[in-house]
Amino acid sequence: MPESRNTKAKIRKAALRLFAERGYNAVSMRDLADAVGMRQGGLYNHFEGKQVLLSDLMETHMVGLLEALDTAMAGISGTRARLEAFVRHHVSHHLNYPDDVFLAYMEVRSLDSDNRARITVLRNRYEHVLRKILEDGCTQGLFRIGDAAVHARMLLAMMTGVTVWYRDSGRLSRDEVVELYLGAALQSVGLAAVQS
């Protein structure tokens, strides 16, 4: 990797860690420079400012999340199977990228209006996949829920919350947690949980 790209990657990694630990507003460009061992002015060779860096991190996360979802859903047919694939993907992906998830959900408030609008479009695309699954399930008489849009947001909030409490050192493995969340999601739409 060329040195410039390597430096940019180091800056992104440090910013992700610091923003997740302290919050966007509590991290200065000087803090970022110190974390990567360079002068503050050197950061501006790679990013125009902290806002650009935050937006870049969020957009990279959301694009990666959407691409991973496309892969997870490829070739899946049947509404229940699509819901299962979505839930497994969402919980697994979020367990793998907790700092990215924290940033993507908690720091949207810190984006300026143009960047917020761009990130919101990506978030809405992701939510729409789940909403469509739920709408299809209702149309088919398979799911028993009140409002697909509200239910989609409820499920996303529930599943995203796994990053708050899960620890690899805990008593449950990631796979066990994914299956527990899947059971809860299925029950929430009126289906029996998967039998082990």
N, C-alpha and C. Protein backbone atom coordinates (compact mmCIF):
# COMPACT_ATOMS: atom_id res chain seq x y z
N MET A 1 0.86 -1.18 0.00
CA MET A 1 0.00 0.00 0.00
C MET A 1 0.90 1.23 0.00
N PRO A 2 0.67 2.17 -0.90
CA PRO A 2 1.47 3.40 -0.91
C PRO A 2 1.38 4.11 0.44
N GLU A 3 2.45 4.85 0.78
CA GLU A 3 2.52 5.48 2.10
C GLU A 3 1.34 6.40 2.36
N SER A 4 0.90 7.16 1.36
CA SER A 4 -0.22 8.09 1.54
C SER A 4 -1.50 7.34 1.90
N ARG A 5 -1.76 6.22 1.21
CA ARG A 5 -2.96 5.43 1.51
C ARG A 5 -2.84 4.79 2.88
N ASN A 6 -1.64 4.35 3.23
CA ASN A 6 -1.41 3.74 4.53
C ASN A 6 -1.66 4.76 5.65
N THR A 7 -1.18 6.00 5.45
CA THR A 7 -1.39 7.06 6.44
C THR A 7 -2.87 7.38 6.57
N LYS A 8 -3.55 7.45 5.44
CA LYS A 8 -4.99 7.73 5.46
C LYS A 8 -5.73 6.63 6.23
N ALA A 9 -5.35 5.39 6.01
CA ALA A 9 -5.98 4.27 6.72
C ALA A 9 -5.71 4.37 8.22
N LYS A 10 -4.50 4.76 8.61
CA LYS A 10 -4.18 4.92 10.03
C LYS A 10 -5.01 6.02 10.66
N ILE A 11 -5.20 7.12 9.93
CA ILE A 11 -6.00 8.23 10.44
C ILE A 11 -7.45 7.77 10.63
N ARG A 12 -7.98 7.06 9.64
CA ARG A 12 -9.36 6.58 9.72
C ARG A 12 -9.53 5.64 10.91
N LYS A 13 -8.58 4.73 11.10
CA LYS A 13 -8.65 3.76 12.21
C LYS A 13 -8.60 4.48 13.56
N ALA A 14 -7.70 5.44 13.68
CA ALA A 14 -7.59 6.19 14.94
C ALA A 14 -8.85 7.02 15.19
N ALA A 15 -9.37 7.65 14.15
CA ALA A 15 -10.58 8.47 14.31
C ALA A 15 -11.77 7.61 14.72
N LEU A 16 -11.90 6.45 14.10
CA LEU A 16 -13.00 5.55 14.46
C LEU A 16 -12.93 5.19 15.94
N ARG A 17 -11.74 4.81 16.38
CA ARG A 17 -11.56 4.42 17.79
C ARG A 17 -11.84 5.59 18.73
N LEU A 18 -11.26 6.74 18.43
CA LEU A 18 -11.43 7.90 19.31
C LEU A 18 -12.87 8.42 19.32
N PHE A 19 -13.48 8.51 18.15
CA PHE A 19 -14.87 8.98 18.09
C PHE A 19 -15.79 8.03 18.86
N ALA A 20 -15.54 6.71 18.75
CA ALA A 20 -16.38 5.74 19.45
C ALA A 20 -16.14 5.80 20.96
N GLU A 21 -14.90 6.01 21.37
CA GLU A 21 -14.58 6.06 22.80
C GLU A 21 -15.06 7.34 23.47
N ARG A 22 -14.80 8.47 22.83
CA ARG A 22 -15.02 9.77 23.46
C ARG A 22 -16.21 10.55 22.92
N GLY A 23 -16.64 10.22 21.72
CA GLY A 23 -17.65 11.01 21.04
C GLY A 23 -16.99 12.00 20.12
N TYR A 24 -17.63 12.27 19.01
CA TYR A 24 -17.08 13.14 17.97
C TYR A 24 -16.67 14.51 18.50
N ASN A 25 -17.55 15.15 19.26
CA ASN A 25 -17.29 16.51 19.71
C ASN A 25 -16.15 16.61 20.71
N ALA A 26 -15.81 15.51 21.37
CA ALA A 26 -14.74 15.53 22.38
C ALA A 26 -13.36 15.25 21.78
N VAL A 27 -13.30 14.98 20.49
CA VAL A 27 -12.03 14.65 19.83
C VAL A 27 -11.61 15.82 18.93
N SER A 28 -10.40 16.28 19.10
CA SER A 28 -9.89 17.38 18.27
C SER A 28 -8.97 16.82 17.18
N MET A 29 -8.68 17.65 16.21
CA MET A 29 -7.72 17.25 15.18
C MET A 29 -6.34 17.02 15.82
N ARG A 30 -6.03 17.75 16.86
CA ARG A 30 -4.77 17.53 17.57
C ARG A 30 -4.74 16.13 18.20
N ASP A 31 -5.87 15.71 18.79
CA ASP A 31 -5.97 14.37 19.35
C ASP A 31 -5.71 13.31 18.28
N LEU A 32 -6.30 13.52 17.10
CA LEU A 32 -6.11 12.57 16.00
C LEU A 32 -4.66 12.54 15.54
N ALA A 33 -4.07 13.72 15.43
CA ALA A 33 -2.65 13.79 15.02
C ALA A 33 -1.77 13.07 16.03
N ASP A 34 -2.00 13.29 17.31
CA ASP A 34 -1.22 12.61 18.35
C ASP A 34 -1.39 11.09 18.25
N ALA A 35 -2.62 10.64 17.98
CA ALA A 35 -2.90 9.21 17.92
C ALA A 35 -2.17 8.51 16.78
N VAL A 36 -1.91 9.23 15.69
CA VAL A 36 -1.22 8.62 14.56
C VAL A 36 0.24 9.05 14.46
N GLY A 37 0.69 9.87 15.42
CA GLY A 37 2.09 10.27 15.47
C GLY A 37 2.50 11.20 14.36
N MET A 38 1.67 12.19 14.10
CA MET A 38 2.03 13.16 13.06
C MET A 38 1.62 14.56 13.52
N ARG A 39 2.05 15.56 12.78
CA ARG A 39 1.65 16.94 13.08
C ARG A 39 0.21 17.16 12.65
N GLN A 40 -0.46 18.04 13.37
CA GLN A 40 -1.86 18.32 13.07
C GLN A 40 -2.06 18.76 11.62
N GLY A 41 -1.17 19.61 11.13
CA GLY A 41 -1.29 20.08 9.75
C GLY A 41 -1.21 18.96 8.74
N GLY A 42 -0.50 17.89 9.07
CA GLY A 42 -0.38 16.76 8.15
C GLY A 42 -1.70 16.05 7.91
N LEU A 43 -2.62 16.11 8.88
CA LEU A 43 -3.94 15.47 8.71
C LEU A 43 -4.69 16.06 7.52
N TYR A 44 -4.49 17.36 7.31
CA TYR A 44 -5.24 18.05 6.27
C TYR A 44 -4.77 17.67 4.87
N ASN A 45 -3.65 16.96 4.77
CA ASN A 45 -3.22 16.42 3.48
C ASN A 45 -4.10 15.23 3.07
N HIS A 46 -4.80 14.67 4.06
CA HIS A 46 -5.60 13.46 3.81
C HIS A 46 -7.11 13.72 3.97
N PHE A 47 -7.47 14.61 4.87
CA PHE A 47 -8.87 14.94 5.12
C PHE A 47 -8.97 16.45 5.33
N GLU A 48 -9.97 17.08 4.72
CA GLU A 48 -10.13 18.53 4.82
C GLU A 48 -10.47 18.99 6.23
N GLY A 49 -10.99 18.09 7.04
CA GLY A 49 -11.36 18.45 8.40
C GLY A 49 -12.06 17.29 9.08
N LYS A 50 -12.41 17.51 10.33
CA LYS A 50 -13.02 16.47 11.15
C LYS A 50 -14.39 16.05 10.59
N GLN A 51 -15.16 17.00 10.08
CA GLN A 51 -16.48 16.70 9.52
C GLN A 51 -16.36 15.77 8.31
N VAL A 52 -15.39 16.03 7.46
CA VAL A 52 -15.16 15.18 6.28
C VAL A 52 -14.77 13.77 6.72
N LEU A 53 -13.96 13.70 7.75
CA LEU A 53 -13.52 12.39 8.27
C LEU A 53 -14.70 11.62 8.85
N LEU A 54 -15.54 12.28 9.64
CA LEU A 54 -16.72 11.61 10.20
C LEU A 54 -17.64 11.12 9.09
N SER A 55 -17.90 11.96 8.12
CA SER A 55 -18.76 11.58 7.00
C SER A 55 -18.17 10.40 6.23
N ASP A 56 -16.86 10.43 6.01
CA ASP A 56 -16.18 9.35 5.31
C ASP A 56 -16.33 8.02 6.06
N LEU A 57 -16.14 8.06 7.37
CA LEU A 57 -16.27 6.84 8.17
C LEU A 57 -17.69 6.30 8.11
N MET A 58 -18.67 7.16 8.22
CA MET A 58 -20.06 6.72 8.19
C MET A 58 -20.46 6.18 6.82
N GLU A 59 -20.05 6.88 5.78
CA GLU A 59 -20.39 6.43 4.44
C GLU A 59 -19.73 5.09 4.13
N THR A 60 -18.48 4.95 4.51
CA THR A 60 -17.79 3.67 4.29
C THR A 60 -18.50 2.54 5.01
N HIS A 61 -18.92 2.80 6.25
CA HIS A 61 -19.65 1.78 7.01
C HIS A 61 -20.96 1.42 6.32
N MET A 62 -21.74 2.42 5.93
CA MET A 62 -23.05 2.14 5.35
C MET A 62 -22.93 1.45 4.00
N VAL A 63 -21.98 1.85 3.18
CA VAL A 63 -21.79 1.19 1.88
C VAL A 63 -21.37 -0.27 2.11
N GLY A 64 -20.46 -0.49 3.05
CA GLY A 64 -20.05 -1.86 3.36
C GLY A 64 -21.20 -2.70 3.90
N LEU A 65 -22.04 -2.09 4.74
CA LEU A 65 -23.20 -2.78 5.29
C LEU A 65 -24.16 -3.18 4.19
N LEU A 66 -24.42 -2.28 3.25
CA LEU A 66 -25.32 -2.58 2.14
C LEU A 66 -24.74 -3.66 1.22
N GLU A 67 -23.45 -3.59 0.95
CA GLU A 67 -22.82 -4.61 0.11
C GLU A 67 -22.87 -5.98 0.78
N ALA A 68 -22.60 -6.01 2.08
CA ALA A 68 -22.66 -7.28 2.82
C ALA A 68 -24.09 -7.82 2.85
N LEU A 69 -25.07 -6.93 2.93
CA LEU A 69 -26.47 -7.36 2.91
C LEU A 69 -26.81 -7.97 1.56
N ASP A 70 -26.38 -7.34 0.48
CA ASP A 70 -26.62 -7.90 -0.86
C ASP A 70 -26.07 -9.32 -0.96
N THR A 71 -24.88 -9.52 -0.43
CA THR A 71 -24.26 -10.85 -0.45
C THR A 71 -25.06 -11.83 0.39
N ALA A 72 -25.46 -11.41 1.58
CA ALA A 72 -26.21 -12.28 2.49
C ALA A 72 -27.57 -12.68 1.92
N MET A 73 -28.16 -11.78 1.13
CA MET A 73 -29.51 -12.03 0.62
C MET A 73 -29.51 -12.68 -0.77
N ALA A 74 -28.36 -12.78 -1.38
CA ALA A 74 -28.28 -13.34 -2.74
C ALA A 74 -28.82 -14.77 -2.77
N GLY A 75 -29.73 -14.99 -3.67
CA GLY A 75 -30.27 -16.34 -3.87
C GLY A 75 -31.28 -16.78 -2.82
N ILE A 76 -31.63 -15.92 -1.89
CA ILE A 76 -32.60 -16.29 -0.85
C ILE A 76 -34.00 -15.98 -1.35
N SER A 77 -34.87 -16.98 -1.31
CA SER A 77 -36.25 -16.76 -1.72
C SER A 77 -37.17 -17.21 -0.59
N GLY A 78 -38.38 -16.73 -0.64
CA GLY A 78 -39.33 -17.03 0.42
C GLY A 78 -39.21 -15.96 1.50
N THR A 79 -40.34 -15.47 1.94
CA THR A 79 -40.36 -14.34 2.86
C THR A 79 -39.74 -14.67 4.20
N ARG A 80 -40.07 -15.82 4.77
CA ARG A 80 -39.47 -16.19 6.06
C ARG A 80 -37.96 -16.33 5.90
N ALA A 81 -37.51 -16.98 4.86
CA ALA A 81 -36.07 -17.17 4.64
C ALA A 81 -35.36 -15.83 4.46
N ARG A 82 -36.01 -14.89 3.80
CA ARG A 82 -35.42 -13.55 3.63
C ARG A 82 -35.31 -12.83 4.97
N LEU A 83 -36.34 -12.96 5.81
CA LEU A 83 -36.29 -12.35 7.14
C LEU A 83 -35.16 -12.98 7.96
N GLU A 84 -35.06 -14.29 7.92
CA GLU A 84 -33.99 -14.98 8.66
C GLU A 84 -32.62 -14.53 8.18
N ALA A 85 -32.44 -14.43 6.87
CA ALA A 85 -31.15 -14.01 6.33
C ALA A 85 -30.83 -12.58 6.74
N PHE A 86 -31.83 -11.71 6.71
CA PHE A 86 -31.61 -10.32 7.11
C PHE A 86 -31.18 -10.24 8.57
N VAL A 87 -31.90 -10.92 9.44
CA VAL A 87 -31.60 -10.87 10.88
C VAL A 87 -30.21 -11.43 11.16
N ARG A 88 -29.91 -12.59 10.58
CA ARG A 88 -28.58 -13.17 10.81
C ARG A 88 -27.48 -12.23 10.33
N HIS A 89 -27.69 -11.65 9.15
CA HIS A 89 -26.70 -10.70 8.62
C HIS A 89 -26.55 -9.51 9.56
N HIS A 90 -27.65 -8.90 9.93
CA HIS A 90 -27.61 -7.67 10.72
C HIS A 90 -26.89 -7.89 12.05
N VAL A 91 -27.30 -8.90 12.79
CA VAL A 91 -26.70 -9.12 14.11
C VAL A 91 -25.23 -9.51 13.97
N SER A 92 -24.91 -10.39 13.05
CA SER A 92 -23.51 -10.80 12.86
C SER A 92 -22.63 -9.62 12.46
N HIS A 93 -23.09 -8.85 11.50
CA HIS A 93 -22.31 -7.71 11.02
C HIS A 93 -22.08 -6.70 12.14
N HIS A 94 -23.11 -6.45 12.91
CA HIS A 94 -22.99 -5.48 13.99
C HIS A 94 -22.08 -5.97 15.10
N LEU A 95 -22.07 -7.26 15.36
CA LEU A 95 -21.13 -7.81 16.34
C LEU A 95 -19.69 -7.67 15.86
N ASN A 96 -19.49 -7.74 14.56
CA ASN A 96 -18.13 -7.64 14.00
C ASN A 96 -17.61 -6.21 13.93
N TYR A 97 -18.50 -5.21 13.91
CA TYR A 97 -18.08 -3.82 13.72
C TYR A 97 -18.75 -2.88 14.74
N PRO A 98 -18.56 -3.13 16.04
CA PRO A 98 -19.28 -2.33 17.03
C PRO A 98 -18.93 -0.84 17.02
N ASP A 99 -17.67 -0.48 16.77
CA ASP A 99 -17.32 0.95 16.74
C ASP A 99 -17.95 1.64 15.55
N ASP A 100 -17.93 1.00 14.41
CA ASP A 100 -18.56 1.57 13.21
C ASP A 100 -20.06 1.77 13.44
N VAL A 101 -20.68 0.77 14.08
CA VAL A 101 -22.12 0.84 14.35
C VAL A 101 -22.42 1.99 15.30
N PHE A 102 -21.63 2.10 16.37
CA PHE A 102 -21.84 3.18 17.32
C PHE A 102 -21.79 4.53 16.61
N LEU A 103 -20.78 4.70 15.81
CA LEU A 103 -20.61 5.96 15.09
C LEU A 103 -21.77 6.22 14.15
N ALA A 104 -22.16 5.20 13.41
CA ALA A 104 -23.22 5.36 12.40
C ALA A 104 -24.56 5.72 13.02
N TYR A 105 -24.80 5.28 14.26
CA TYR A 105 -26.08 5.54 14.88
C TYR A 105 -26.06 6.73 15.84
N MET A 106 -24.98 6.89 16.56
CA MET A 106 -24.94 7.92 17.59
C MET A 106 -24.44 9.28 17.11
N GLU A 107 -23.67 9.30 16.05
CA GLU A 107 -23.08 10.57 15.64
C GLU A 107 -23.70 11.18 14.38
N VAL A 108 -24.82 10.66 13.95
CA VAL A 108 -25.54 11.29 12.84
C VAL A 108 -25.85 12.73 13.21
N ARG A 109 -26.12 12.96 14.48
CA ARG A 109 -26.43 14.31 14.97
C ARG A 109 -25.28 15.29 14.75
N SER A 110 -24.06 14.75 14.62
CA SER A 110 -22.88 15.60 14.46
C SER A 110 -22.57 15.95 13.01
N LEU A 111 -23.30 15.36 12.08
CA LEU A 111 -23.08 15.65 10.67
C LEU A 111 -23.73 16.97 10.28
N ASP A 112 -23.11 17.67 9.35
CA ASP A 112 -23.77 18.86 8.82
C ASP A 112 -24.93 18.40 7.92
N SER A 113 -25.76 19.33 7.51
CA SER A 113 -27.00 18.94 6.81
C SER A 113 -26.76 18.18 5.51
N ASP A 114 -25.76 18.57 4.74
CA ASP A 114 -25.49 17.86 3.47
C ASP A 114 -25.02 16.43 3.72
N ASN A 115 -24.09 16.27 4.64
CA ASN A 115 -23.60 14.93 4.94
C ASN A 115 -24.68 14.06 5.59
N ARG A 116 -25.49 14.68 6.46
CA ARG A 116 -26.58 13.93 7.09
C ARG A 116 -27.56 13.42 6.03
N ALA A 117 -27.86 14.26 5.07
CA ALA A 117 -28.79 13.86 4.01
C ALA A 117 -28.24 12.67 3.23
N ARG A 118 -26.95 12.71 2.91
CA ARG A 118 -26.32 11.62 2.15
C ARG A 118 -26.33 10.31 2.95
N ILE A 119 -26.01 10.38 4.22
CA ILE A 119 -25.98 9.17 5.05
C ILE A 119 -27.40 8.65 5.28
N THR A 120 -28.35 9.56 5.42
CA THR A 120 -29.74 9.15 5.63
C THR A 120 -30.27 8.37 4.43
N VAL A 121 -29.89 8.76 3.23
CA VAL A 121 -30.29 8.01 2.03
C VAL A 121 -29.81 6.57 2.12
N LEU A 122 -28.56 6.37 2.54
CA LEU A 122 -28.01 5.01 2.66
C LEU A 122 -28.71 4.23 3.77
N ARG A 123 -28.96 4.88 4.90
CA ARG A 123 -29.66 4.21 6.00
C ARG A 123 -31.07 3.81 5.58
N ASN A 124 -31.74 4.69 4.84
CA ASN A 124 -33.10 4.38 4.38
C ASN A 124 -33.11 3.21 3.40
N ARG A 125 -32.09 3.12 2.54
CA ARG A 125 -31.99 1.98 1.62
C ARG A 125 -31.91 0.67 2.39
N TYR A 126 -31.11 0.69 3.44
CA TYR A 126 -30.95 -0.52 4.26
C TYR A 126 -32.27 -0.87 4.96
N GLU A 127 -32.88 0.11 5.59
CA GLU A 127 -34.14 -0.12 6.30
C GLU A 127 -35.22 -0.61 5.34
N HIS A 128 -35.22 -0.09 4.11
CA HIS A 128 -36.23 -0.46 3.13
C HIS A 128 -36.22 -1.97 2.83
N VAL A 129 -35.04 -2.57 2.86
CA VAL A 129 -34.97 -4.02 2.60
C VAL A 129 -35.79 -4.77 3.64
N LEU A 130 -35.60 -4.43 4.91
CA LEU A 130 -36.36 -5.10 5.97
C LEU A 130 -37.84 -4.74 5.89
N ARG A 131 -38.14 -3.49 5.62
CA ARG A 131 -39.53 -3.07 5.53
C ARG A 131 -40.25 -3.84 4.42
N LYS A 132 -39.59 -4.04 3.28
CA LYS A 132 -40.19 -4.77 2.16
C LYS A 132 -40.46 -6.22 2.54
N ILE A 133 -39.54 -6.83 3.26
CA ILE A 133 -39.75 -8.21 3.73
C ILE A 133 -40.99 -8.26 4.61
N LEU A 134 -41.10 -7.31 5.54
CA LEU A 134 -42.25 -7.29 6.45
C LEU A 134 -43.54 -7.01 5.71
N GLU A 135 -43.52 -6.10 4.75
CA GLU A 135 -44.72 -5.82 3.95
C GLU A 135 -45.15 -7.05 3.17
N ASP A 136 -44.17 -7.75 2.58
CA ASP A 136 -44.49 -8.97 1.83
C ASP A 136 -45.11 -10.02 2.75
N GLY A 137 -44.55 -10.16 3.95
CA GLY A 137 -45.09 -11.12 4.90
C GLY A 137 -46.51 -10.80 5.32
N CYS A 138 -46.81 -9.52 5.45
CA CYS A 138 -48.18 -9.10 5.80
C CYS A 138 -49.13 -9.39 4.64
N THR A 139 -48.71 -9.03 3.43
CA THR A 139 -49.53 -9.25 2.24
C THR A 139 -49.85 -10.74 2.07
N GLN A 140 -48.90 -11.59 2.37
CA GLN A 140 -49.07 -13.04 2.23
C GLN A 140 -49.84 -13.66 3.40
N GLY A 141 -50.11 -12.86 4.43
CA GLY A 141 -50.79 -13.39 5.61
C GLY A 141 -49.85 -14.20 6.49
N LEU A 142 -48.57 -14.10 6.26
CA LEU A 142 -47.58 -14.87 7.02
C LEU A 142 -47.21 -14.19 8.33
N PHE A 143 -47.11 -12.86 8.31
CA PHE A 143 -46.71 -12.10 9.49
C PHE A 143 -47.94 -11.41 10.10
N ARG A 144 -47.95 -11.33 11.41
CA ARG A 144 -49.01 -10.64 12.13
C ARG A 144 -48.39 -9.45 12.87
N ILE A 145 -48.35 -8.31 12.18
CA ILE A 145 -47.82 -7.09 12.78
C ILE A 145 -48.74 -5.94 12.42
N GLY A 146 -48.62 -4.84 13.16
CA GLY A 146 -49.49 -3.69 12.91
C GLY A 146 -49.03 -2.83 11.75
N ASP A 147 -47.82 -2.33 11.81
CA ASP A 147 -47.32 -1.38 10.82
C ASP A 147 -45.90 -1.79 10.43
N ALA A 148 -45.69 -2.09 9.16
CA ALA A 148 -44.40 -2.61 8.72
C ALA A 148 -43.27 -1.62 8.93
N ALA A 149 -43.52 -0.34 8.71
CA ALA A 149 -42.46 0.67 8.88
C ALA A 149 -42.03 0.76 10.33
N VAL A 150 -43.00 0.81 11.24
CA VAL A 150 -42.68 0.88 12.67
C VAL A 150 -42.02 -0.41 13.12
N HIS A 151 -42.51 -1.53 12.65
CA HIS A 151 -41.95 -2.83 13.04
C HIS A 151 -40.50 -2.95 12.56
N ALA A 152 -40.22 -2.46 11.36
CA ALA A 152 -38.85 -2.51 10.85
C ALA A 152 -37.92 -1.71 11.74
N ARG A 153 -38.34 -0.52 12.13
CA ARG A 153 -37.50 0.31 13.00
C ARG A 153 -37.33 -0.32 14.38
N MET A 154 -38.39 -0.95 14.88
CA MET A 154 -38.31 -1.62 16.17
C MET A 154 -37.30 -2.77 16.11
N LEU A 155 -37.38 -3.58 15.06
CA LEU A 155 -36.44 -4.70 14.92
C LEU A 155 -35.01 -4.20 14.76
N LEU A 156 -34.81 -3.16 13.96
CA LEU A 156 -33.46 -2.63 13.77
C LEU A 156 -32.88 -2.12 15.08
N ALA A 157 -33.70 -1.41 15.86
CA ALA A 157 -33.22 -0.90 17.15
C ALA A 157 -32.87 -2.05 18.09
N MET A 158 -33.74 -3.07 18.12
CA MET A 158 -33.48 -4.22 18.99
C MET A 158 -32.19 -4.93 18.59
N MET A 159 -32.04 -5.19 17.30
CA MET A 159 -30.88 -5.94 16.83
C MET A 159 -29.59 -5.15 16.96
N THR A 160 -29.65 -3.86 16.69
CA THR A 160 -28.46 -3.02 16.78
C THR A 160 -27.99 -2.92 18.22
N GLY A 161 -28.91 -3.03 19.17
CA GLY A 161 -28.57 -2.97 20.59
C GLY A 161 -27.62 -4.04 21.06
N VAL A 162 -27.43 -5.08 20.26
CA VAL A 162 -26.52 -6.16 20.66
C VAL A 162 -25.10 -5.63 20.88
N THR A 163 -24.74 -4.58 20.18
CA THR A 163 -23.38 -4.04 20.31
C THR A 163 -23.15 -3.39 21.67
N VAL A 164 -24.20 -3.04 22.36
CA VAL A 164 -24.08 -2.38 23.66
C VAL A 164 -23.67 -3.36 24.75
N TRP A 165 -24.22 -4.57 24.69
CA TRP A 165 -24.02 -5.48 25.82
C TRP A 165 -23.15 -6.70 25.52
N TYR A 166 -23.07 -7.12 24.27
CA TYR A 166 -22.37 -8.38 23.99
C TYR A 166 -20.86 -8.24 24.18
N ARG A 167 -20.27 -9.25 24.80
CA ARG A 167 -18.81 -9.35 24.95
C ARG A 167 -18.40 -10.78 24.60
N ASP A 168 -17.32 -10.90 23.84
CA ASP A 168 -16.84 -12.23 23.45
C ASP A 168 -16.49 -13.08 24.67
N SER A 169 -16.17 -12.46 25.78
CA SER A 169 -15.80 -13.19 27.00
C SER A 169 -17.02 -13.66 27.79
N GLY A 170 -18.23 -13.34 27.32
CA GLY A 170 -19.46 -13.73 28.02
C GLY A 170 -19.79 -15.20 27.86
N ARG A 171 -20.90 -15.60 28.43
CA ARG A 171 -21.26 -17.02 28.45
C ARG A 171 -21.83 -17.52 27.12
N LEU A 172 -22.26 -16.61 26.24
CA LEU A 172 -22.85 -17.02 24.96
C LEU A 172 -21.90 -16.71 23.81
N SER A 173 -21.85 -17.62 22.85
CA SER A 173 -21.05 -17.37 21.65
C SER A 173 -21.81 -16.42 20.73
N ARG A 174 -21.10 -15.87 19.76
CA ARG A 174 -21.76 -15.00 18.78
C ARG A 174 -22.87 -15.75 18.05
N ASP A 175 -22.59 -16.98 17.65
CA ASP A 175 -23.61 -17.76 16.93
C ASP A 175 -24.86 -17.98 17.78
N GLU A 176 -24.67 -18.24 19.07
CA GLU A 176 -25.82 -18.43 19.95
C GLU A 176 -26.63 -17.14 20.07
N VAL A 177 -25.95 -16.02 20.16
CA VAL A 177 -26.63 -14.73 20.26
C VAL A 177 -27.40 -14.44 18.98
N VAL A 178 -26.79 -14.71 17.84
CA VAL A 178 -27.47 -14.49 16.56
C VAL A 178 -28.77 -15.30 16.53
N GLU A 179 -28.70 -16.55 16.93
CA GLU A 179 -29.89 -17.41 16.89
C GLU A 179 -30.96 -16.95 17.89
N LEU A 180 -30.55 -16.44 19.04
CA LEU A 180 -31.52 -15.90 20.00
C LEU A 180 -32.22 -14.67 19.43
N TYR A 181 -31.47 -13.81 18.79
CA TYR A 181 -32.08 -12.64 18.15
C TYR A 181 -33.00 -13.05 17.01
N LEU A 182 -32.60 -14.07 16.27
CA LEU A 182 -33.46 -14.56 15.20
C LEU A 182 -34.78 -15.06 15.76
N GLY A 183 -34.72 -15.83 16.85
CA GLY A 183 -35.94 -16.31 17.48
C GLY A 183 -36.84 -15.18 17.91
N ALA A 184 -36.26 -14.15 18.51
CA ALA A 184 -37.05 -13.00 18.96
C ALA A 184 -37.68 -12.27 17.77
N ALA A 185 -36.93 -12.12 16.69
CA ALA A 185 -37.46 -11.44 15.50
C ALA A 185 -38.62 -12.24 14.90
N LEU A 186 -38.46 -13.54 14.80
CA LEU A 186 -39.53 -14.38 14.25
C LEU A 186 -40.78 -14.31 15.14
N GLN A 187 -40.58 -14.40 16.45
CA GLN A 187 -41.72 -14.31 17.36
C GLN A 187 -42.41 -12.96 17.25
N SER A 188 -41.65 -11.91 16.98
CA SER A 188 -42.24 -10.57 16.89
C SER A 188 -43.19 -10.44 15.70
N VAL A 189 -43.04 -11.28 14.70
CA VAL A 189 -43.94 -11.23 13.55
C VAL A 189 -44.99 -12.34 13.60
N GLY A 190 -45.01 -13.10 14.70
CA GLY A 190 -46.02 -14.13 14.88
C GLY A 190 -45.62 -15.51 14.42
N LEU A 191 -44.32 -15.74 14.22
CA LEU A 191 -43.85 -17.06 13.80
C LEU A 191 -43.14 -17.75 14.96
N ALA A 192 -43.15 -19.07 14.91
CA ALA A 192 -42.41 -19.83 15.91
C ALA A 192 -40.93 -19.65 15.69
N ALA A 193 -40.19 -19.60 16.79
CA ALA A 193 -38.73 -19.49 16.69
C ALA A 193 -38.16 -20.75 16.06
N VAL A 194 -36.97 -20.61 15.50
CA VAL A 194 -36.29 -21.75 14.89
C VAL A 194 -36.01 -22.79 15.95
N GLN A 195 -36.29 -24.04 15.64
CA GLN A 195 -36.01 -25.14 16.57
C GLN A 195 -34.55 -25.54 16.47
N SER A 196 -33.86 -25.68 17.61
CA SER A 196 -32.46 -26.12 17.56
C SER A 196 -32.39 -27.61 17.46
